[in-house]
């Protein structure tokens, strides 16, 4: 049975309260091996998949996008978690998942978070002039 580290507990000795410390939001990317299109596959955000013939190319590609290697403990957690998830699919995974080699992460930047769109009413001409109402 695997035990996963989900959050850190902080103890305040004055009132004995337990406060979970949440890590910031992050994206993960993986490098896997064992595919026909290329020996190595990089899976990243929004379902992007890029195949490479050499590991160095795959690693440099994802590193240049701001992803960094996780600590061994965190990476092991993600590998174990993904193996459990893949094994839980009834009848097996639809696609070849390959052999997971590495898990990388990067913080979610404000640039990648979609902005709320302005849903105000369309501007209409004023009756008094040709100026649009704000």
N, C-alpha and C. Protein backbone atom coordinates (compact mmCIF):
# COMPACT_ATOMS: atom_id res chain seq x y z
N UNK A 1 0.85 -1.17 0.00
CA UNK A 1 0.00 0.00 0.00
C UNK A 1 0.89 1.23 0.00
N UNK A 2 0.62 2.16 -0.92
CA UNK A 2 1.41 3.38 -1.04
C UNK A 2 0.81 4.48 -0.16
N UNK A 3 1.67 5.26 0.44
CA UNK A 3 1.23 6.40 1.24
C UNK A 3 1.72 7.65 0.53
N UNK A 4 0.82 8.59 0.26
CA UNK A 4 1.17 9.79 -0.48
C UNK A 4 1.18 10.99 0.44
N UNK A 5 2.19 11.84 0.26
CA UNK A 5 2.29 13.08 1.01
C UNK A 5 1.43 14.11 0.29
N UNK A 6 0.29 14.48 0.85
CA UNK A 6 -0.64 15.38 0.20
C UNK A 6 -0.47 16.81 0.67
N UNK A 7 -0.25 17.05 1.93
CA UNK A 7 -0.02 18.39 2.44
C UNK A 7 0.82 18.32 3.70
N UNK A 8 1.37 19.46 4.04
CA UNK A 8 2.19 19.57 5.25
C UNK A 8 1.32 20.13 6.36
N UNK A 9 1.47 19.62 7.55
CA UNK A 9 0.71 20.14 8.69
C UNK A 9 1.60 21.07 9.50
N UNK A 10 1.04 22.23 9.82
CA UNK A 10 1.74 23.16 10.69
C UNK A 10 1.02 23.17 12.03
N UNK A 11 1.77 23.05 13.10
CA UNK A 11 1.19 23.03 14.42
C UNK A 11 1.45 24.35 15.12
N UNK A 12 0.39 24.97 15.60
CA UNK A 12 0.52 26.18 16.42
C UNK A 12 0.36 25.72 17.86
N UNK A 13 1.42 25.75 18.61
CA UNK A 13 1.42 25.19 19.95
C UNK A 13 0.50 25.94 20.90
N UNK A 14 0.16 27.21 20.59
CA UNK A 14 -0.68 27.97 21.52
C UNK A 14 -2.11 27.46 21.55
N UNK A 15 -2.67 27.14 20.41
CA UNK A 15 -4.06 26.68 20.43
C UNK A 15 -4.23 25.27 19.86
N UNK A 16 -3.12 24.60 19.59
CA UNK A 16 -3.10 23.24 19.08
C UNK A 16 -3.93 23.05 17.83
N UNK A 17 -4.03 24.11 17.02
CA UNK A 17 -4.76 23.97 15.75
C UNK A 17 -3.84 23.37 14.69
N UNK A 18 -4.44 22.73 13.72
CA UNK A 18 -3.71 22.13 12.62
C UNK A 18 -4.11 22.87 11.35
N UNK A 19 -3.13 23.44 10.67
CA UNK A 19 -3.40 24.22 9.46
C UNK A 19 -2.69 23.55 8.30
N UNK A 20 -3.43 23.04 7.29
CA UNK A 20 -2.76 22.44 6.13
C UNK A 20 -2.11 23.53 5.28
N UNK A 21 -0.90 23.25 4.82
CA UNK A 21 -0.19 24.19 3.95
C UNK A 21 -0.33 23.68 2.52
N UNK A 22 -1.02 24.44 1.69
CA UNK A 22 -1.24 24.05 0.30
C UNK A 22 -0.12 24.56 -0.58
N UNK A 23 0.45 23.71 -1.42
CA UNK A 23 1.43 24.22 -2.36
C UNK A 23 0.72 25.05 -3.42
N UNK A 24 1.45 25.93 -4.08
CA UNK A 24 0.86 26.74 -5.14
C UNK A 24 0.41 25.87 -6.31
N UNK A 25 -0.43 26.43 -7.15
CA UNK A 25 -0.88 25.72 -8.34
C UNK A 25 0.30 25.44 -9.25
N UNK A 26 0.27 24.30 -9.92
CA UNK A 26 1.37 23.96 -10.81
C UNK A 26 0.86 23.14 -11.99
N UNK A 27 1.63 23.17 -13.05
CA UNK A 27 1.43 22.30 -14.20
C UNK A 27 2.50 21.22 -14.13
N UNK A 28 2.16 20.04 -14.62
CA UNK A 28 3.17 19.00 -14.71
C UNK A 28 3.35 18.61 -16.18
N UNK A 29 4.52 18.12 -16.48
CA UNK A 29 4.83 17.57 -17.79
C UNK A 29 5.55 16.26 -17.55
N UNK A 30 5.43 15.33 -18.49
CA UNK A 30 6.10 14.05 -18.33
C UNK A 30 6.92 13.72 -19.57
N UNK A 31 7.97 12.96 -19.35
CA UNK A 31 8.75 12.38 -20.45
C UNK A 31 8.62 10.87 -20.32
N UNK A 32 8.13 10.24 -21.39
CA UNK A 32 7.94 8.79 -21.40
C UNK A 32 8.68 8.20 -22.59
N UNK A 33 8.89 6.87 -22.55
CA UNK A 33 9.59 6.17 -23.63
C UNK A 33 8.74 5.02 -24.12
N UNK A 34 9.02 4.58 -25.37
CA UNK A 34 8.39 3.39 -25.91
C UNK A 34 7.27 3.66 -26.90
N UNK A 35 7.53 4.47 -27.93
CA UNK A 35 6.50 4.82 -28.89
C UNK A 35 7.02 4.62 -30.31
N UNK A 36 6.11 4.43 -31.27
CA UNK A 36 6.49 4.23 -32.67
C UNK A 36 6.93 5.53 -33.34
N UNK A 37 6.25 6.64 -33.05
CA UNK A 37 6.54 7.92 -33.71
C UNK A 37 7.90 8.48 -33.32
N UNK A 38 8.35 8.19 -32.14
CA UNK A 38 9.63 8.66 -31.63
C UNK A 38 9.92 7.90 -30.36
N UNK A 39 11.18 7.82 -30.01
CA UNK A 39 11.53 7.04 -28.82
C UNK A 39 11.04 7.68 -27.53
N UNK A 40 10.93 9.03 -27.52
CA UNK A 40 10.54 9.74 -26.31
C UNK A 40 9.36 10.66 -26.59
N UNK A 41 8.46 10.72 -25.63
CA UNK A 41 7.27 11.55 -25.74
C UNK A 41 7.21 12.52 -24.58
N UNK A 42 7.00 13.80 -24.89
CA UNK A 42 6.78 14.82 -23.87
C UNK A 42 5.29 15.13 -23.88
N UNK A 43 4.66 14.97 -22.72
CA UNK A 43 3.26 15.38 -22.55
C UNK A 43 3.26 16.60 -21.66
N UNK A 44 2.57 17.63 -22.09
CA UNK A 44 2.54 18.87 -21.31
C UNK A 44 1.13 19.41 -21.24
N UNK A 45 1.00 20.65 -20.78
CA UNK A 45 -0.31 21.24 -20.56
C UNK A 45 -1.16 21.27 -21.82
N UNK A 46 -2.45 21.27 -21.64
CA UNK A 46 -3.46 21.33 -22.69
C UNK A 46 -3.35 20.18 -23.67
N UNK A 47 -2.83 19.05 -23.22
CA UNK A 47 -2.80 17.85 -24.04
C UNK A 47 -1.76 17.85 -25.14
N UNK A 48 -0.81 18.77 -25.12
CA UNK A 48 0.22 18.80 -26.15
C UNK A 48 1.13 17.59 -26.00
N UNK A 49 1.38 16.91 -27.12
CA UNK A 49 2.28 15.76 -27.15
C UNK A 49 3.31 15.99 -28.24
N UNK A 50 4.60 15.87 -27.90
CA UNK A 50 5.67 16.07 -28.86
C UNK A 50 6.61 14.89 -28.75
N UNK A 51 6.94 14.27 -29.90
CA UNK A 51 7.81 13.10 -29.95
C UNK A 51 9.23 13.50 -30.32
N UNK A 52 10.21 12.78 -29.74
CA UNK A 52 11.61 13.05 -29.99
C UNK A 52 12.35 11.73 -30.16
N UNK A 53 13.44 11.77 -30.94
CA UNK A 53 14.27 10.59 -31.13
C UNK A 53 15.31 10.43 -30.02
N UNK A 54 15.66 11.53 -29.35
CA UNK A 54 16.68 11.50 -28.32
C UNK A 54 16.14 12.12 -27.04
N UNK A 55 16.55 11.54 -25.90
CA UNK A 55 16.10 12.04 -24.61
C UNK A 55 16.52 13.49 -24.39
N UNK A 56 17.76 13.82 -24.78
CA UNK A 56 18.26 15.18 -24.57
C UNK A 56 17.37 16.21 -25.25
N UNK A 57 16.89 15.89 -26.44
CA UNK A 57 15.99 16.81 -27.16
C UNK A 57 14.69 17.00 -26.38
N UNK A 58 14.15 15.91 -25.86
CA UNK A 58 12.90 15.99 -25.10
C UNK A 58 13.10 16.82 -23.84
N UNK A 59 14.18 16.56 -23.13
CA UNK A 59 14.44 17.29 -21.89
C UNK A 59 14.68 18.77 -22.16
N UNK A 60 15.48 19.10 -23.17
CA UNK A 60 15.75 20.51 -23.49
C UNK A 60 14.48 21.23 -23.93
N UNK A 61 13.63 20.55 -24.68
CA UNK A 61 12.38 21.15 -25.14
C UNK A 61 11.52 21.57 -23.95
N UNK A 62 11.32 20.66 -23.01
CA UNK A 62 10.42 20.95 -21.89
C UNK A 62 11.10 21.91 -20.89
N UNK A 63 12.41 21.83 -20.73
CA UNK A 63 13.12 22.76 -19.85
C UNK A 63 13.03 24.19 -20.38
N UNK A 64 13.12 24.35 -21.68
CA UNK A 64 13.03 25.68 -22.28
C UNK A 64 11.64 26.28 -22.16
N UNK A 65 10.65 25.47 -21.80
CA UNK A 65 9.30 25.97 -21.56
C UNK A 65 9.08 26.30 -20.08
N UNK A 66 10.14 26.23 -19.28
CA UNK A 66 10.06 26.63 -17.88
C UNK A 66 9.80 25.50 -16.89
N UNK A 67 9.78 24.25 -17.35
CA UNK A 67 9.57 23.13 -16.45
C UNK A 67 10.89 22.72 -15.83
N UNK A 68 10.85 22.29 -14.57
CA UNK A 68 12.04 21.85 -13.85
C UNK A 68 11.77 20.49 -13.23
N UNK A 69 12.83 19.76 -13.02
CA UNK A 69 12.72 18.43 -12.42
C UNK A 69 12.22 18.56 -10.99
N UNK A 70 11.33 17.68 -10.59
CA UNK A 70 10.82 17.65 -9.21
C UNK A 70 11.85 16.98 -8.31
N UNK A 71 11.66 17.14 -7.02
CA UNK A 71 12.50 16.40 -6.08
C UNK A 71 12.20 14.91 -6.27
N UNK A 72 13.11 14.07 -5.89
CA UNK A 72 12.91 12.61 -6.06
C UNK A 72 11.63 12.14 -5.37
N UNK A 73 11.38 12.68 -4.18
CA UNK A 73 10.20 12.28 -3.41
C UNK A 73 8.91 12.68 -4.13
N UNK A 74 8.86 13.93 -4.62
CA UNK A 74 7.66 14.39 -5.33
C UNK A 74 7.47 13.63 -6.64
N UNK A 75 8.58 13.41 -7.36
CA UNK A 75 8.50 12.69 -8.62
C UNK A 75 8.01 11.26 -8.40
N UNK A 76 8.51 10.60 -7.36
CA UNK A 76 8.06 9.24 -7.05
C UNK A 76 6.57 9.22 -6.74
N UNK A 77 6.11 10.23 -5.99
CA UNK A 77 4.68 10.35 -5.68
C UNK A 77 3.87 10.41 -6.98
N UNK A 78 4.27 11.27 -7.91
CA UNK A 78 3.52 11.42 -9.16
C UNK A 78 3.56 10.15 -10.01
N UNK A 79 4.72 9.52 -10.09
CA UNK A 79 4.83 8.27 -10.87
C UNK A 79 3.92 7.21 -10.27
N UNK A 80 3.96 7.04 -8.96
CA UNK A 80 3.09 6.05 -8.30
C UNK A 80 1.63 6.39 -8.52
N UNK A 81 1.29 7.66 -8.38
CA UNK A 81 -0.10 8.09 -8.57
C UNK A 81 -0.58 7.81 -9.99
N UNK A 82 0.22 8.15 -10.98
CA UNK A 82 -0.19 7.91 -12.37
C UNK A 82 -0.29 6.42 -12.68
N UNK A 83 0.57 5.62 -12.10
CA UNK A 83 0.46 4.17 -12.30
C UNK A 83 -0.84 3.65 -11.71
N UNK A 84 -1.22 4.11 -10.53
CA UNK A 84 -2.49 3.72 -9.92
C UNK A 84 -3.66 4.16 -10.80
N UNK A 85 -3.59 5.39 -11.28
CA UNK A 85 -4.67 5.91 -12.12
C UNK A 85 -4.79 5.10 -13.41
N UNK A 86 -3.67 4.83 -14.08
CA UNK A 86 -3.72 4.05 -15.32
C UNK A 86 -4.23 2.64 -15.06
N UNK A 87 -3.82 2.04 -13.95
CA UNK A 87 -4.28 0.69 -13.62
C UNK A 87 -5.76 0.64 -13.27
N UNK A 88 -6.33 1.78 -12.88
CA UNK A 88 -7.74 1.79 -12.48
C UNK A 88 -8.70 1.84 -13.66
N UNK A 89 -8.18 2.07 -14.86
CA UNK A 89 -9.04 2.14 -16.05
C UNK A 89 -9.45 0.72 -16.44
N UNK A 90 -10.76 0.49 -16.41
CA UNK A 90 -11.29 -0.83 -16.73
C UNK A 90 -10.94 -1.22 -18.16
N UNK A 91 -10.35 -2.38 -18.35
CA UNK A 91 -9.96 -2.84 -19.68
C UNK A 91 -8.65 -2.24 -20.17
N UNK A 92 -8.01 -1.44 -19.35
CA UNK A 92 -6.72 -0.85 -19.72
C UNK A 92 -6.86 0.48 -20.44
N UNK A 93 -5.77 1.17 -20.52
CA UNK A 93 -5.76 2.48 -21.17
C UNK A 93 -6.00 2.32 -22.67
N UNK A 94 -6.69 3.29 -23.25
CA UNK A 94 -7.02 3.27 -24.67
C UNK A 94 -5.76 3.45 -25.52
N UNK A 95 -4.84 4.27 -25.05
CA UNK A 95 -3.62 4.57 -25.79
C UNK A 95 -2.42 4.03 -25.05
N UNK A 96 -1.32 3.83 -25.78
CA UNK A 96 -0.06 3.40 -25.20
C UNK A 96 0.46 4.51 -24.30
N UNK A 97 0.62 4.24 -23.03
CA UNK A 97 1.12 5.24 -22.09
C UNK A 97 2.64 5.22 -22.02
N UNK A 98 3.27 4.21 -22.59
CA UNK A 98 4.72 4.12 -22.55
C UNK A 98 5.22 3.88 -21.15
N UNK A 99 6.52 4.03 -20.99
CA UNK A 99 7.15 3.91 -19.69
C UNK A 99 7.49 5.30 -19.20
N UNK A 100 6.90 5.69 -18.09
CA UNK A 100 7.11 7.03 -17.54
C UNK A 100 8.53 7.13 -16.99
N UNK A 101 9.30 8.10 -17.51
CA UNK A 101 10.69 8.27 -17.10
C UNK A 101 10.89 9.42 -16.14
N UNK A 102 10.16 10.53 -16.36
CA UNK A 102 10.43 11.73 -15.59
C UNK A 102 9.17 12.59 -15.51
N UNK A 103 8.99 13.22 -14.35
CA UNK A 103 7.89 14.17 -14.15
C UNK A 103 8.52 15.51 -13.79
N UNK A 104 8.10 16.55 -14.51
CA UNK A 104 8.61 17.90 -14.28
C UNK A 104 7.45 18.80 -13.93
N UNK A 105 7.74 19.95 -13.33
CA UNK A 105 6.66 20.87 -12.96
C UNK A 105 7.09 22.30 -13.15
N UNK A 106 6.10 23.18 -13.19
CA UNK A 106 6.34 24.61 -13.17
C UNK A 106 5.13 25.27 -12.55
N UNK A 107 5.33 26.37 -11.86
CA UNK A 107 4.19 27.07 -11.26
C UNK A 107 3.26 27.59 -12.35
N UNK A 108 1.98 27.67 -12.04
CA UNK A 108 1.02 28.24 -12.98
C UNK A 108 1.23 29.74 -12.97
N UNK A 109 1.49 30.30 -14.14
CA UNK A 109 1.70 31.75 -14.22
C UNK A 109 0.37 32.44 -14.47
N UNK A 110 0.31 33.71 -14.14
CA UNK A 110 -0.93 34.46 -14.37
C UNK A 110 -1.22 34.57 -15.86
N UNK A 111 -0.20 34.43 -16.71
CA UNK A 111 -0.39 34.48 -18.15
C UNK A 111 -1.18 33.28 -18.65
N UNK A 112 -1.04 32.13 -18.01
CA UNK A 112 -1.71 30.92 -18.49
C UNK A 112 -3.11 30.77 -17.91
N UNK A 113 -3.48 31.61 -16.93
CA UNK A 113 -4.82 31.56 -16.37
C UNK A 113 -5.73 32.43 -17.22
N UNK A 114 -6.80 31.86 -17.77
CA UNK A 114 -7.66 32.66 -18.65
C UNK A 114 -8.30 33.81 -17.89
N UNK A 115 -8.31 34.97 -18.54
CA UNK A 115 -8.93 36.14 -17.92
C UNK A 115 -10.43 36.07 -18.11
N UNK A 116 -11.14 36.72 -17.18
CA UNK A 116 -12.59 36.78 -17.31
C UNK A 116 -12.91 37.74 -18.45
N UNK A 117 -13.83 37.32 -19.31
CA UNK A 117 -14.23 38.18 -20.42
C UNK A 117 -15.26 39.18 -19.95
N UNK A 118 -15.23 40.36 -20.55
CA UNK A 118 -16.19 41.41 -20.24
C UNK A 118 -17.53 41.02 -20.87
N UNK A 119 -18.52 40.77 -20.02
CA UNK A 119 -19.82 40.33 -20.52
C UNK A 119 -20.87 41.43 -20.38
N UNK A 120 -20.41 42.70 -20.49
CA UNK A 120 -21.36 43.80 -20.43
C UNK A 120 -22.14 43.85 -21.73
N UNK A 121 -23.25 44.58 -21.72
CA UNK A 121 -24.09 44.69 -22.91
C UNK A 121 -23.33 45.37 -24.03
N UNK A 122 -23.71 45.06 -25.25
CA UNK A 122 -23.09 45.67 -26.41
C UNK A 122 -23.35 47.17 -26.39
N UNK A 123 -22.39 47.91 -26.90
CA UNK A 123 -22.53 49.36 -26.93
C UNK A 123 -23.53 49.75 -27.99
N UNK A 124 -24.41 50.70 -27.66
CA UNK A 124 -25.43 51.16 -28.60
C UNK A 124 -25.30 52.66 -28.79
N UNK A 125 -25.63 53.15 -29.98
CA UNK A 125 -25.51 54.61 -30.21
C UNK A 125 -26.48 55.37 -29.32
N UNK A 126 -26.06 56.56 -28.88
CA UNK A 126 -26.90 57.44 -28.10
C UNK A 126 -27.93 58.09 -29.01
N UNK A 127 -29.10 58.39 -28.50
CA UNK A 127 -30.14 59.03 -29.30
C UNK A 127 -29.74 60.46 -29.65
N UNK A 128 -28.96 61.12 -28.76
CA UNK A 128 -28.61 62.52 -28.96
C UNK A 128 -27.47 62.71 -29.92
N UNK A 129 -26.59 61.76 -30.02
CA UNK A 129 -25.44 61.92 -30.91
C UNK A 129 -24.99 60.57 -31.43
N UNK A 130 -23.93 60.60 -32.18
CA UNK A 130 -23.41 59.35 -32.76
C UNK A 130 -22.34 58.72 -31.86
N UNK A 131 -22.19 59.23 -30.63
CA UNK A 131 -21.19 58.68 -29.69
C UNK A 131 -21.75 57.43 -29.05
N UNK A 132 -20.93 56.44 -28.92
CA UNK A 132 -21.34 55.16 -28.31
C UNK A 132 -21.41 55.30 -26.81
N UNK A 133 -22.40 54.69 -26.17
CA UNK A 133 -22.48 54.67 -24.71
C UNK A 133 -21.37 53.79 -24.15
N UNK A 134 -20.83 54.18 -23.00
CA UNK A 134 -19.76 53.33 -22.42
C UNK A 134 -20.31 52.04 -21.86
